[in-house]
Amino acid sequence: MRPRVLTVDASRPDPAAIAEAARVLRAGGLVAFPTETVYGLGARALDPVAVAKVFAAKGRPSGHPLIAHVDGEEAARAIAATWSDRASALARAFWPGPLTLVVPRSARVPDAVTGGGSTVAIRAPSHAVAIALLRAVGEPLAAPSANRYQTLSPTLAAHVVKSLGDAVDLVLDGGPCSEGIESTVVDVDAEPPRVLRPGALDVDRLRAIVPGVVYDGFAIAGEGTHASPGMDARHYAPRARVLLAPDRAAAIVLAGAEAARGGAKVGLVVRGLGELGAGANAAVLVRALPDAPEAYARDLFATLHALDDAGCVAVVIEDVPSAAAWWAIADRLRRAGA
């Protein structure tokens, strides 16, 4: 069954819709709402019963921490055991925005939010709907991506409805998410500070504020408690098999071979416009994403959702450059193809 869906203006959300969503949350329900990154599945972060509903709706293992969304640095300090100068510098530079800070947790934060770990992940979103909802509820909201565990993140309300159905009580439809990829997660108390998940905020911009921030590349968490969301080997995955090809020519050949072998539709995702050559055929659905990392990220998940909906059994993707600006996208593609 479909959940209730309320359409809201992305820049000036209707106070009545926000009030209704706040009412659902205060009653212990789940509300999906847009952020600048992806749609989040919101519950009151300090209510362990409500947080348990998030895990049940997503089918998410209990050791995987959630991100607590707050309305600024003061609210973040209230759920942190300590708040370093480094955390403050990054928050003041990039909040509200797509940056998540991992800090020592306050005793107020339930184990369910942290996966039983000693830290809590916190961010202040910049989307007007998310901000209005946080202010209406007046407390932090745990809000992982509003989709089933390990599947494609939602960048449209329709993606939420397709994935979760009536497991969510209410969906606020604020249109497409502007970034289209999850937040960058940084452990600010590590020495040196460490990027646990690359995301919409470029690592080079972090280093301009806190020199020495490191990123070790594709990282896989083991069993048990994870330090950050998004560290499974397989994550962000469509129903279709994802195959990475090193360049456009190889992608075209591989897509053609997959279509010929399986006799079914195959997606082909390339960067930018250009000659596709003779390898493409009627069974291959070609999608050209922008050849710029921010624009590519904004369109990636929506494109994979559309190819799933079109019935593709496999999606061949031309690999992206190795430059730092592409690290978050490379991370998502490798996890989708694992």
C-alpha atoms as a PDB file:
ATOM      1  CA  MET A   1       0.000   0.000   0.000  1.00  0.00           C
ATOM      2  CA  ARG A   2       1.010   3.616  -0.533  1.00  0.00           C
ATOM      3  CA  PRO A   3       1.850   5.877   2.391  1.00  0.00           C
ATOM      4  CA  ARG A   4       0.293   9.318   2.733  1.00  0.00           C
ATOM      5  CA  VAL A   5       2.132  11.849   0.579  1.00  0.00           C
ATOM      6  CA  LEU A   6       1.978  15.607   1.112  1.00  0.00           C
ATOM      7  CA  THR A   7       3.443  17.866  -1.566  1.00  0.00           C
ATOM      8  CA  VAL A   8       5.444  20.772  -0.161  1.00  0.00           C
ATOM      9  CA  ASP A   9       7.284  23.688  -1.732  1.00  0.00           C
ATOM     10  CA  ALA A  10      11.010  22.964  -1.522  1.00  0.00           C
ATOM     11  CA  SER A  11      11.916  26.539  -0.619  1.00  0.00           C
ATOM     12  CA  ARG A  12       8.809  27.683   1.307  1.00  0.00           C
ATOM     13  CA  PRO A  13       7.140  24.590   2.781  1.00  0.00           C
ATOM     14  CA  ASP A  14       3.500  24.868   3.856  1.00  0.00           C
ATOM     15  CA  PRO A  15       3.393  25.294   7.668  1.00  0.00           C
ATOM     16  CA  ALA A  16       0.323  23.043   7.838  1.00  0.00           C
ATOM     17  CA  ALA A  17       2.178  20.175   6.132  1.00  0.00           C
ATOM     18  CA  ILE A  18       5.181  20.647   8.415  1.00  0.00           C
ATOM     19  CA  ALA A  19       2.904  20.713  11.471  1.00  0.00           C
ATOM     20  CA  GLU A  20       1.254  17.455  10.383  1.00  0.00           C
ATOM     21  CA  ALA A  21       4.643  15.803   9.854  1.00  0.00           C
ATOM     22  CA  ALA A  22       5.802  17.017  13.277  1.00  0.00           C
ATOM     23  CA  ARG A  23       2.635  15.575  14.818  1.00  0.00           C
ATOM     24  CA  VAL A  24       3.370  12.166  13.266  1.00  0.00           C
ATOM     25  CA  LEU A  25       6.948  12.258  14.539  1.00  0.00           C
ATOM     26  CA  ARG A  26       5.983  13.318  18.067  1.00  0.00           C
ATOM     27  CA  ALA A  27       3.530  10.389  18.136  1.00  0.00           C
ATOM     28  CA  GLY A  28       6.424   8.010  17.404  1.00  0.00           C
ATOM     29  CA  GLY A  29       5.795   7.639  13.662  1.00  0.00           C
ATOM     30  CA  LEU A  30       8.113   7.730  10.639  1.00  0.00           C
ATOM     31  CA  VAL A  31       8.230  10.622   8.169  1.00  0.00           C
ATOM     32  CA  ALA A  32      10.260  10.638   4.954  1.00  0.00           C
ATOM     33  CA  PHE A  33      11.409  14.105   3.993  1.00  0.00           C
ATOM     34  CA  PRO A  34      13.774  15.693   1.476  1.00  0.00           C
ATOM     35  CA  THR A  35      17.234  16.924   2.332  1.00  0.00           C
ATOM     36  CA  GLU A  36      19.743  18.449  -0.061  1.00  0.00           C
ATOM     37  CA  THR A  37      21.458  15.038  -0.314  1.00  0.00           C
ATOM     38  CA  VAL A  38      18.775  12.310  -0.473  1.00  0.00           C
ATOM     39  CA  TYR A  39      15.380  11.707   1.155  1.00  0.00           C
ATOM     40  CA  GLY A  40      15.685  10.736   4.823  1.00  0.00           C
ATOM     41  CA  LEU A  41      13.514   8.395   6.872  1.00  0.00           C
ATOM     42  CA  GLY A  42      12.928  10.461   9.995  1.00  0.00           C
ATOM     43  CA  ALA A  43      12.189   9.459  13.571  1.00  0.00           C
ATOM     44  CA  ARG A  44      12.812  11.206  16.886  1.00  0.00           C
ATOM     45  CA  ALA A  45      16.464  10.387  17.552  1.00  0.00           C
ATOM     46  CA  LEU A  46      16.164  10.343  21.346  1.00  0.00           C
ATOM     47  CA  ASP A  47      13.215   7.920  21.321  1.00  0.00           C
ATOM     48  CA  PRO A  48      14.567   4.341  21.071  1.00  0.00           C
ATOM     49  CA  VAL A  49      11.133   2.919  20.231  1.00  0.00           C
ATOM     50  CA  ALA A  50      10.759   5.273  17.248  1.00  0.00           C
ATOM     51  CA  VAL A  51      14.347   4.563  16.145  1.00  0.00           C
ATOM     52  CA  ALA A  52      13.620   0.817  16.235  1.00  0.00           C
ATOM     53  CA  LYS A  53      10.853   1.439  13.684  1.00  0.00           C
ATOM     54  CA  VAL A  54      13.442   2.931  11.306  1.00  0.00           C
ATOM     55  CA  PHE A  55      15.530  -0.243  11.455  1.00  0.00           C
ATOM     56  CA  ALA A  56      12.425  -2.400  10.938  1.00  0.00           C
ATOM     57  CA  ALA A  57      11.196  -0.353   7.971  1.00  0.00           C
ATOM     58  CA  LYS A  58      14.571  -0.461   6.251  1.00  0.00           C
ATOM     59  CA  GLY A  59      15.519  -4.021   7.208  1.00  0.00           C
ATOM     60  CA  ARG A  60      18.785  -2.504   8.476  1.00  0.00           C
ATOM     61  CA  PRO A  61      21.140  -4.424  10.831  1.00  0.00           C
ATOM     62  CA  SER A  62      21.274  -3.014  14.355  1.00  0.00           C
ATOM     63  CA  GLY A  63      25.024  -2.389  14.312  1.00  0.00           C
ATOM     64  CA  HIS A  64      24.734   0.239  11.590  1.00  0.00           C
ATOM     65  CA  PRO A  65      24.613   3.758  13.065  1.00  0.00           C
ATOM     66  CA  LEU A  66      22.139   6.418  12.013  1.00  0.00           C
ATOM     67  CA  ILE A  67      22.836  10.110  11.439  1.00  0.00           C
ATOM     68  CA  ALA A  68      21.195  12.482  13.900  1.00  0.00           C
ATOM     69  CA  HIS A  69      19.969  15.586  12.057  1.00  0.00           C
ATOM     70  CA  VAL A  70      19.991  18.822  14.042  1.00  0.00           C
ATOM     71  CA  ASP A  71      19.264  22.508  13.554  1.00  0.00           C
ATOM     72  CA  GLY A  72      22.791  23.826  13.957  1.00  0.00           C
ATOM     73  CA  GLU A  73      25.871  23.608  16.150  1.00  0.00           C
ATOM     74  CA  GLU A  74      24.183  24.332  19.485  1.00  0.00           C
ATOM     75  CA  ALA A  75      21.809  21.407  18.998  1.00  0.00           C
ATOM     76  CA  ALA A  76      24.747  19.202  17.995  1.00  0.00           C
ATOM     77  CA  ARG A  77      26.675  20.077  21.156  1.00  0.00           C
ATOM     78  CA  ALA A  78      23.649  18.979  23.222  1.00  0.00           C
ATOM     79  CA  ILE A  79      23.980  15.355  22.032  1.00  0.00           C
ATOM     80  CA  ALA A  80      27.789  15.183  22.018  1.00  0.00           C
ATOM     81  CA  ALA A  81      29.871  14.242  25.060  1.00  0.00           C
ATOM     82  CA  THR A  82      32.615  16.581  23.846  1.00  0.00           C
ATOM     83  CA  TRP A  83      32.763  19.073  20.993  1.00  0.00           C
ATOM     84  CA  SER A  84      36.251  19.915  19.762  1.00  0.00           C
ATOM     85  CA  ASP A  85      37.557  23.097  18.161  1.00  0.00           C
ATOM     86  CA  ARG A  86      37.974  21.027  15.013  1.00  0.00           C
ATOM     87  CA  ALA A  87      34.293  20.039  15.030  1.00  0.00           C
ATOM     88  CA  SER A  88      33.292  23.642  15.585  1.00  0.00           C
ATOM     89  CA  ALA A  89      35.473  24.896  12.734  1.00  0.00           C
ATOM     90  CA  LEU A  90      33.972  22.416  10.277  1.00  0.00           C
ATOM     91  CA  ALA A  91      30.403  23.011  11.466  1.00  0.00           C
ATOM     92  CA  ARG A  92      30.786  26.763  11.103  1.00  0.00           C
ATOM     93  CA  ALA A  93      32.291  26.389   7.641  1.00  0.00           C
ATOM     94  CA  PHE A  94      29.873  23.863   6.160  1.00  0.00           C
ATOM     95  CA  TRP A  95      26.652  23.762   8.184  1.00  0.00           C
ATOM     96  CA  PRO A  96      23.932  23.739   7.196  1.00  0.00           C
ATOM     97  CA  GLY A  97      25.086  21.417   4.450  1.00  0.00           C
ATOM     98  CA  PRO A  98      26.118  17.894   3.384  1.00  0.00           C
ATOM     99  CA  LEU A  99      28.728  17.247   6.096  1.00  0.00           C
ATOM    100  CA  THR A 100      28.313  14.691   8.898  1.00  0.00           C
ATOM    101  CA  LEU A 101      30.605  14.890  11.927  1.00  0.00           C
ATOM    102  CA  VAL A 102      31.325  11.822  14.058  1.00  0.00           C
ATOM    103  CA  VAL A 103      31.969  12.817  17.688  1.00  0.00           C
ATOM    104  CA  PRO A 104      31.807  11.184  21.145  1.00  0.00           C
ATOM    105  CA  ARG A 105      28.167  10.573  22.047  1.00  0.00           C
ATOM    106  CA  SER A 106      26.227  12.013  24.932  1.00  0.00           C
ATOM    107  CA  ALA A 107      24.515   9.616  27.331  1.00  0.00           C
ATOM    108  CA  ARG A 108      21.238  11.095  26.017  1.00  0.00           C
ATOM    109  CA  VAL A 109      21.689   9.331  22.670  1.00  0.00           C
ATOM    110  CA  PRO A 110      20.170   5.812  22.550  1.00  0.00           C
ATOM    111  CA  ASP A 111      22.363   2.848  21.648  1.00  0.00           C
ATOM    112  CA  ALA A 112      20.071   2.214  18.688  1.00  0.00           C
ATOM    113  CA  VAL A 113      21.181   5.459  17.008  1.00  0.00           C
ATOM    114  CA  THR A 114      24.905   4.730  17.396  1.00  0.00           C
ATOM    115  CA  GLY A 115      24.798   1.019  16.691  1.00  0.00           C
ATOM    116  CA  GLY A 116      26.002   0.515  20.247  1.00  0.00           C
ATOM    117  CA  GLY A 117      29.192   2.473  19.551  1.00  0.00           C
ATOM    118  CA  SER A 118      30.790   5.270  21.549  1.00  0.00           C
ATOM    119  CA  THR A 119      30.293   7.952  18.891  1.00  0.00           C
ATOM    120  CA  VAL A 120      27.351   9.653  17.222  1.00  0.00           C
ATOM    121  CA  ALA A 121      27.115  10.969  13.646  1.00  0.00           C
ATOM    122  CA  ILE A 122      25.530  14.433  13.424  1.00  0.00           C
ATOM    123  CA  ARG A 123      24.692  16.832  10.619  1.00  0.00           C
ATOM    124  CA  ALA A 124      22.657  19.987  10.029  1.00  0.00           C
ATOM    125  CA  PRO A 125      20.850  19.762   6.657  1.00  0.00           C
ATOM    126  CA  SER A 126      20.365  22.840   4.473  1.00  0.00           C
ATOM    127  CA  HIS A 127      17.065  21.881   2.796  1.00  0.00           C
ATOM    128  CA  ALA A 128      14.227  24.237   3.810  1.00  0.00           C
ATOM    129  CA  VAL A 129      11.809  21.347   4.435  1.00  0.00           C
ATOM    130  CA  ALA A 130      14.272  19.535   6.691  1.00  0.00           C
ATOM    131  CA  ILE A 131      15.056  22.721   8.618  1.00  0.00           C
ATOM    132  CA  ALA A 132      11.372  23.555   9.082  1.00  0.00           C
ATOM    133  CA  LEU A 133      10.648  20.028  10.312  1.00  0.00           C
ATOM    134  CA  LEU A 134      13.542  20.031  12.786  1.00  0.00           C
ATOM    135  CA  ARG A 135      12.372  23.354  14.196  1.00  0.00           C
ATOM    136  CA  ALA A 136       8.769  22.194  14.437  1.00  0.00           C
ATOM    137  CA  VAL A 137       9.702  19.006  16.308  1.00  0.00           C
ATOM    138  CA  GLY A 138      12.288  20.798  18.430  1.00  0.00           C
ATOM    139  CA  GLU A 139      14.663  17.858  18.819  1.00  0.00           C
ATOM    140  CA  PRO A 140      17.110  15.803  16.726  1.00  0.00           C
ATOM    141  CA  LEU A 141      15.796  13.479  14.027  1.00  0.00           C
ATOM    142  CA  ALA A 142      17.483  10.225  13.087  1.00  0.00           C
ATOM    143  CA  ALA A 143      17.154  10.059   9.334  1.00  0.00           C
ATOM    144  CA  PRO A 144      19.012   7.476   7.234  1.00  0.00           C
ATOM    145  CA  SER A 145      18.160   7.288   3.547  1.00  0.00           C
ATOM    146  CA  ALA A 146      14.488   6.420   3.046  1.00  0.00           C
ATOM    147  CA  ASN A 147      14.902   3.095   1.269  1.00  0.00           C
ATOM    148  CA  ARG A 148      15.324  -0.585   2.035  1.00  0.00           C
ATOM    149  CA  TYR A 149      18.744  -1.632   3.298  1.00  0.00           C
ATOM    150  CA  GLN A 150      21.521  -1.699   0.654  1.00  0.00           C
ATOM    151  CA  THR A 151      19.232  -0.549  -2.159  1.00  0.00           C
ATOM    152  CA  LEU A 152      19.378   2.660  -4.195  1.00  0.00           C
ATOM    153  CA  SER A 153      19.077   5.871  -2.216  1.00  0.00           C
ATOM    154  CA  PRO A 154      15.969   7.948  -3.020  1.00  0.00           C
ATOM    155  CA  THR A 155      16.279  11.371  -4.620  1.00  0.00           C
ATOM    156  CA  LEU A 156      12.530  11.681  -5.355  1.00  0.00           C
ATOM    157  CA  ALA A 157       9.493  11.019  -3.178  1.00  0.00           C
ATOM    158  CA  ALA A 158       8.406   8.390  -5.712  1.00  0.00           C
ATOM    159  CA  HIS A 159      11.586   6.433  -4.955  1.00  0.00           C
ATOM    160  CA  VAL A 160      10.631   6.387  -1.257  1.00  0.00           C
ATOM    161  CA  VAL A 161       7.115   5.139  -1.989  1.00  0.00           C
ATOM    162  CA  LYS A 162       8.459   2.436  -4.320  1.00  0.00           C
ATOM    163  CA  SER A 163      10.971   1.166  -1.761  1.00  0.00           C
ATOM    164  CA  LEU A 164       9.160   1.490   1.574  1.00  0.00           C
ATOM    165  CA  GLY A 165       5.434   1.590   0.798  1.00  0.00           C
ATOM    166  CA  ASP A 166       3.335   2.000   3.916  1.00  0.00           C
ATOM    167  CA  ALA A 167       6.242   1.126   6.216  1.00  0.00           C
ATOM    168  CA  VAL A 168       6.562   4.925   6.390  1.00  0.00           C
ATOM    169  CA  ASP A 169       3.646   6.869   7.860  1.00  0.00           C
ATOM    170  CA  LEU A 170       4.011  10.072   5.841  1.00  0.00           C
ATOM    171  CA  VAL A 171       6.131  11.309   2.929  1.00  0.00           C
ATOM    172  CA  LEU A 172       6.814  14.999   2.379  1.00  0.00           C
ATOM    173  CA  ASP A 173       7.309  15.416  -1.374  1.00  0.00           C
ATOM    174  CA  GLY A 174       9.613  18.370  -1.927  1.00  0.00           C
ATOM    175  CA  GLY A 175      10.742  17.411  -5.423  1.00  0.00           C
ATOM    176  CA  PRO A 176      14.246  16.272  -6.432  1.00  0.00           C
ATOM    177  CA  CYS A 177      17.202  16.539  -4.071  1.00  0.00           C
ATOM    178  CA  SER A 178      19.745  19.109  -5.221  1.00  0.00           C
ATOM    179  CA  GLU A 179      22.926  17.136  -4.414  1.00  0.00           C
ATOM    180  CA  GLY A 180      21.643  13.623  -5.181  1.00  0.00           C
ATOM    181  CA  ILE A 181      24.340  11.852  -3.160  1.00  0.00           C
ATOM    182  CA  GLU A 182      24.799  11.343   0.574  1.00  0.00           C
ATOM    183  CA  SER A 183      26.757  13.549   2.956  1.00  0.00           C
ATOM    184  CA  THR A 184      30.483  13.328   3.551  1.00  0.00           C
ATOM    185  CA  VAL A 185      31.151  11.676   6.932  1.00  0.00           C
ATOM    186  CA  VAL A 186      34.228  12.734   8.936  1.00  0.00           C
ATOM    187  CA  ASP A 187      35.502  11.354  12.238  1.00  0.00           C
ATOM    188  CA  VAL A 188      36.787  14.618  13.673  1.00  0.00           C
ATOM    189  CA  ASP A 189      38.250  13.087  16.859  1.00  0.00           C
ATOM    190  CA  ALA A 190      40.487  10.636  15.014  1.00  0.00           C
ATOM    191  CA  GLU A 191      44.159  11.529  14.639  1.00  0.00           C
ATOM    192  CA  PRO A 192      44.422  12.557  11.899  1.00  0.00           C
ATOM    193  CA  PRO A 193      40.738  13.375  11.191  1.00  0.00           C
ATOM    194  CA  ARG A 194      39.417  10.784   8.781  1.00  0.00           C
ATOM    195  CA  VAL A 195      36.795  10.678   6.040  1.00  0.00           C
ATOM    196  CA  LEU A 196      34.716   7.560   6.726  1.00  0.00           C
ATOM    197  CA  ARG A 197      32.422   8.078   3.737  1.00  0.00           C
ATOM    198  CA  PRO A 198      33.093  10.459   0.841  1.00  0.00           C
ATOM    199  CA  GLY A 199      30.040  12.405  -0.210  1.00  0.00           C
ATOM    200  CA  ALA A 200      28.603  15.616  -1.556  1.00  0.00           C
ATOM    201  CA  LEU A 201      31.206  17.802   0.178  1.00  0.00           C
ATOM    202  CA  ASP A 202      34.572  17.615  -1.583  1.00  0.00           C
ATOM    203  CA  VAL A 203      37.456  16.414   0.599  1.00  0.00           C
ATOM    204  CA  ASP A 204      39.678  19.258  -0.638  1.00  0.00           C
ATOM    205  CA  ARG A 205      37.219  21.767   0.837  1.00  0.00           C
ATOM    206  CA  LEU A 206      37.481  20.017   4.205  1.00  0.00           C
ATOM    207  CA  ARG A 207      41.263  20.231   4.056  1.00  0.00           C
ATOM    208  CA  ALA A 208      41.056  23.965   3.509  1.00  0.00           C
ATOM    209  CA  ILE A 209      39.519  24.234   7.004  1.00  0.00           C
ATOM    210  CA  VAL A 210      41.251  21.340   8.765  1.00  0.00           C
ATOM    211  CA  PRO A 211      44.537  20.459   7.049  1.00  0.00           C
ATOM    212  CA  GLY A 212      45.538  16.828   7.265  1.00  0.00           C
ATOM    213  CA  VAL A 213      42.104  15.261   6.776  1.00  0.00           C
ATOM    214  CA  VAL A 214      42.745  11.838   5.274  1.00  0.00           C
ATOM    215  CA  TYR A 215      40.709   9.548   3.044  1.00  0.00           C
ATOM    216  CA  ASP A 216      41.927   5.984   2.642  1.00  0.00           C
ATOM    217  CA  GLY A 217      39.783   5.074  -0.323  1.00  0.00           C
ATOM    218  CA  PHE A 218      37.205   2.301  -0.612  1.00  0.00           C
ATOM    219  CA  ALA A 219      36.725   0.942   2.928  1.00  0.00           C
ATOM    220  CA  ILE A 220      34.617  -2.019   4.050  1.00  0.00           C
ATOM    221  CA  ALA A 221      33.414  -2.397   7.626  1.00  0.00           C
ATOM    222  CA  GLY A 222      33.470  -5.805   9.256  1.00  0.00           C
ATOM    223  CA  GLU A 223      30.756  -7.487  11.259  1.00  0.00           C
ATOM    224  CA  GLY A 224      29.181  -5.742  14.237  1.00  0.00           C
ATOM    225  CA  THR A 225      29.132  -2.012  14.900  1.00  0.00           C
ATOM    226  CA  HIS A 226      30.121   0.241  12.005  1.00  0.00           C
ATOM    227  CA  ALA A 227      31.850   3.590  12.467  1.00  0.00           C
ATOM    228  CA  SER A 228      29.719   5.209   9.752  1.00  0.00           C
ATOM    229  CA  PRO A 229      26.734   4.546   7.516  1.00  0.00           C
ATOM    230  CA  GLY A 230      27.491   3.302   3.994  1.00  0.00           C
ATOM    231  CA  MET A 231      30.478   1.056   4.720  1.00  0.00           C
ATOM    232  CA  ASP A 232      29.083  -2.294   3.541  1.00  0.00           C
ATOM    233  CA  ALA A 233      30.833  -3.859   0.569  1.00  0.00           C
ATOM    234  CA  ARG A 234      27.484  -3.833  -1.225  1.00  0.00           C
ATOM    235  CA  HIS A 235      25.371  -0.717  -0.887  1.00  0.00           C
ATOM    236  CA  TYR A 236      23.475   1.838  -3.002  1.00  0.00           C
ATOM    237  CA  ALA A 237      22.593  -0.985  -5.391  1.00  0.00           C
ATOM    238  CA  PRO A 238      19.819  -1.229  -7.989  1.00  0.00           C
ATOM    239  CA  ARG A 239      18.003  -4.491  -8.650  1.00  0.00           C
ATOM    240  CA  ALA A 240      19.973  -4.846 -11.892  1.00  0.00           C
ATOM    241  CA  ARG A 241      23.534  -6.154 -11.799  1.00  0.00           C
ATOM    242  CA  VAL A 242      26.042  -3.309 -12.045  1.00  0.00           C
ATOM    243  CA  LEU A 243      29.126  -3.819 -14.203  1.00  0.00           C
ATOM    244  CA  LEU A 244      31.920  -1.235 -14.376  1.00  0.00           C
ATOM    245  CA  ALA A 245      33.932  -0.772 -17.553  1.00  0.00           C
ATOM    246  CA  PRO A 246      37.245   1.136 -17.663  1.00  0.00           C
ATOM    247  CA  ASP A 247      36.281   3.402 -20.556  1.00  0.00           C
ATOM    248  CA  ARG A 248      33.486   4.212 -22.995  1.00  0.00           C
ATOM    249  CA  ALA A 249      34.603   1.777 -25.702  1.00  0.00           C
ATOM    250  CA  ALA A 250      34.765  -1.117 -23.251  1.00  0.00           C
ATOM    251  CA  ALA A 251      31.388  -0.150 -21.776  1.00  0.00           C
ATOM    252  CA  ILE A 252      29.734  -0.216 -25.212  1.00  0.00           C
ATOM    253  CA  VAL A 253      31.167  -3.637 -26.021  1.00  0.00           C
ATOM    254  CA  LEU A 254      30.211  -5.071 -22.642  1.00  0.00           C
ATOM    255  CA  ALA A 255      26.651  -3.708 -22.820  1.00  0.00           C
ATOM    256  CA  GLY A 256      26.183  -5.197 -26.273  1.00  0.00           C
ATOM    257  CA  ALA A 257      27.508  -8.565 -25.110  1.00  0.00           C
ATOM    258  CA  GLU A 258      25.219  -8.561 -22.058  1.00  0.00           C
ATOM    259  CA  ALA A 259      22.191  -7.768 -24.212  1.00  0.00           C
ATOM    260  CA  ALA A 260      23.067 -10.497 -26.710  1.00  0.00           C
ATOM    261  CA  ARG A 261      23.749 -13.076 -24.009  1.00  0.00           C
ATOM    262  CA  GLY A 262      20.695 -12.471 -21.874  1.00  0.00           C
ATOM    263  CA  GLY A 263      18.147 -11.422 -24.479  1.00  0.00           C
ATOM    264  CA  ALA A 264      16.911  -8.727 -22.120  1.00  0.00           C
ATOM    265  CA  LYS A 265      17.252  -4.982 -21.655  1.00  0.00           C
ATOM    266  CA  VAL A 266      20.618  -3.660 -20.521  1.00  0.00           C
ATOM    267  CA  GLY A 267      21.399  -0.159 -19.338  1.00  0.00           C
ATOM    268  CA  LEU A 268      24.491   1.696 -20.500  1.00  0.00           C
ATOM    269  CA  VAL A 269      25.600   4.742 -18.501  1.00  0.00           C
ATOM    270  CA  VAL A 270      28.299   6.947 -20.004  1.00  0.00           C
ATOM    271  CA  ARG A 271      29.804  10.333 -19.148  1.00  0.00           C
ATOM    272  CA  GLY A 272      28.950  13.205 -21.428  1.00  0.00           C
ATOM    273  CA  LEU A 273      27.840  13.144 -25.012  1.00  0.00           C
ATOM    274  CA  GLY A 274      29.845  11.523 -27.740  1.00  0.00           C
ATOM    275  CA  GLU A 275      29.990   8.766 -30.303  1.00  0.00           C
ATOM    276  CA  LEU A 276      28.464   5.530 -29.067  1.00  0.00           C
ATOM    277  CA  GLY A 277      29.521   3.546 -32.102  1.00  0.00           C
ATOM    278  CA  ALA A 278      28.128   0.321 -33.439  1.00  0.00           C
ATOM    279  CA  GLY A 279      28.136  -1.448 -30.094  1.00  0.00           C
ATOM    280  CA  ALA A 280      24.839   0.060 -29.011  1.00  0.00           C
ATOM    281  CA  ASN A 281      21.657  -1.701 -30.092  1.00  0.00           C
ATOM    282  CA  ALA A 282      17.920  -1.558 -29.508  1.00  0.00           C
ATOM    283  CA  ALA A 283      18.157  -3.694 -26.362  1.00  0.00           C
ATOM    284  CA  VAL A 284      20.642  -1.277 -24.780  1.00  0.00           C
ATOM    285  CA  LEU A 285      19.131   1.745 -23.022  1.00  0.00           C
ATOM    286  CA  VAL A 286      21.752   4.489 -23.121  1.00  0.00           C
ATOM    287  CA  ARG A 287      21.869   7.236 -20.510  1.00  0.00           C
ATOM    288  CA  ALA A 288      24.484   9.992 -20.722  1.00  0.00           C
ATOM    289  CA  LEU A 289      25.284  11.661 -17.419  1.00  0.00           C
ATOM    290  CA  PRO A 290      27.085  15.024 -17.212  1.00  0.00           C
ATOM    291  CA  ASP A 291      30.878  14.962 -17.418  1.00  0.00           C
ATOM    292  CA  ALA A 292      31.198  17.055 -14.251  1.00  0.00           C
ATOM    293  CA  PRO A 293      31.189  15.416 -10.798  1.00  0.00           C
ATOM    294  CA  GLU A 294      28.549  17.532  -9.037  1.00  0.00           C
ATOM    295  CA  ALA A 295      26.070  17.246 -11.916  1.00  0.00           C
ATOM    296  CA  TYR A 296      26.847  13.548 -12.383  1.00  0.00           C
ATOM    297  CA  ALA A 297      26.210  12.878  -8.681  1.00  0.00           C
ATOM    298  CA  ARG A 298      22.895  14.757  -8.786  1.00  0.00           C
ATOM    299  CA  ASP A 299      21.605  12.519 -11.612  1.00  0.00           C
ATOM    300  CA  LEU A 300      23.193   9.147 -10.761  1.00  0.00           C
ATOM    301  CA  PHE A 301      20.666   7.532  -8.403  1.00  0.00           C
ATOM    302  CA  ALA A 302      17.662   8.836 -10.362  1.00  0.00           C
ATOM    303  CA  THR A 303      19.154   7.337 -13.533  1.00  0.00           C
ATOM    304  CA  LEU A 304      19.691   3.933 -11.906  1.00  0.00           C
ATOM    305  CA  HIS A 305      16.141   4.008 -10.509  1.00  0.00           C
ATOM    306  CA  ALA A 306      14.821   4.708 -14.025  1.00  0.00           C
ATOM    307  CA  LEU A 307      16.823   1.842 -15.562  1.00  0.00           C
ATOM    308  CA  ASP A 308      15.522  -0.517 -12.871  1.00  0.00           C
ATOM    309  CA  ASP A 309      11.975   0.624 -13.611  1.00  0.00           C
ATOM    310  CA  ALA A 310      12.575   0.033 -17.331  1.00  0.00           C
ATOM    311  CA  GLY A 311      13.296  -3.634 -16.619  1.00  0.00           C
ATOM    312  CA  CYS A 312      17.053  -3.710 -17.180  1.00  0.00           C
ATOM    313  CA  VAL A 313      18.681  -6.877 -15.883  1.00  0.00           C
ATOM    314  CA  ALA A 314      22.156  -5.351 -15.964  1.00  0.00           C
ATOM    315  CA  VAL A 315      23.609  -1.841 -16.078  1.00  0.00           C
ATOM    316  CA  VAL A 316      27.047  -1.233 -17.564  1.00  0.00           C
ATOM    317  CA  ILE A 317      28.677   1.977 -16.330  1.00  0.00           C
ATOM    318  CA  GLU A 318      31.665   3.768 -17.813  1.00  0.00           C
ATOM    319  CA  ASP A 319      34.050   4.280 -14.899  1.00  0.00           C
ATOM    320  CA  VAL A 320      34.730   7.770 -13.575  1.00  0.00           C
ATOM    321  CA  PRO A 321      38.046   9.624 -13.239  1.00  0.00           C
ATOM    322  CA  SER A 322      40.309   9.018 -10.240  1.00  0.00           C
ATOM    323  CA  ALA A 323      40.483  12.703  -9.265  1.00  0.00           C
ATOM    324  CA  ALA A 324      39.387  13.668  -5.729  1.00  0.00           C
ATOM    325  CA  ALA A 325      36.247  15.409  -6.995  1.00  0.00           C
ATOM    326  CA  TRP A 326      34.997  12.002  -8.211  1.00  0.00           C
ATOM    327  CA  TRP A 327      35.812   9.959  -5.067  1.00  0.00           C
ATOM    328  CA  ALA A 328      32.255   9.887  -3.703  1.00  0.00           C
ATOM    329  CA  ILE A 329      30.829   8.749  -7.039  1.00  0.00           C
ATOM    330  CA  ALA A 330      33.523   6.082  -7.440  1.00  0.00           C
ATOM    331  CA  ASP A 331      32.664   4.814  -3.947  1.00  0.00           C
ATOM    332  CA  ARG A 332      28.958   4.489  -4.812  1.00  0.00           C
ATOM    333  CA  LEU A 333      29.648   2.741  -8.130  1.00  0.00           C
ATOM    334  CA  ARG A 334      31.958   0.180  -6.559  1.00  0.00           C
ATOM    335  CA  ARG A 335      29.536  -0.643  -3.767  1.00  0.00           C
ATOM    336  CA  ALA A 336      26.643  -0.898  -6.230  1.00  0.00           C
ATOM    337  CA  GLY A 337      28.648  -3.362  -8.293  1.00  0.00           C
ATOM    338  CA  ALA A 338      29.926  -5.490  -5.401  1.00  0.00           C
END
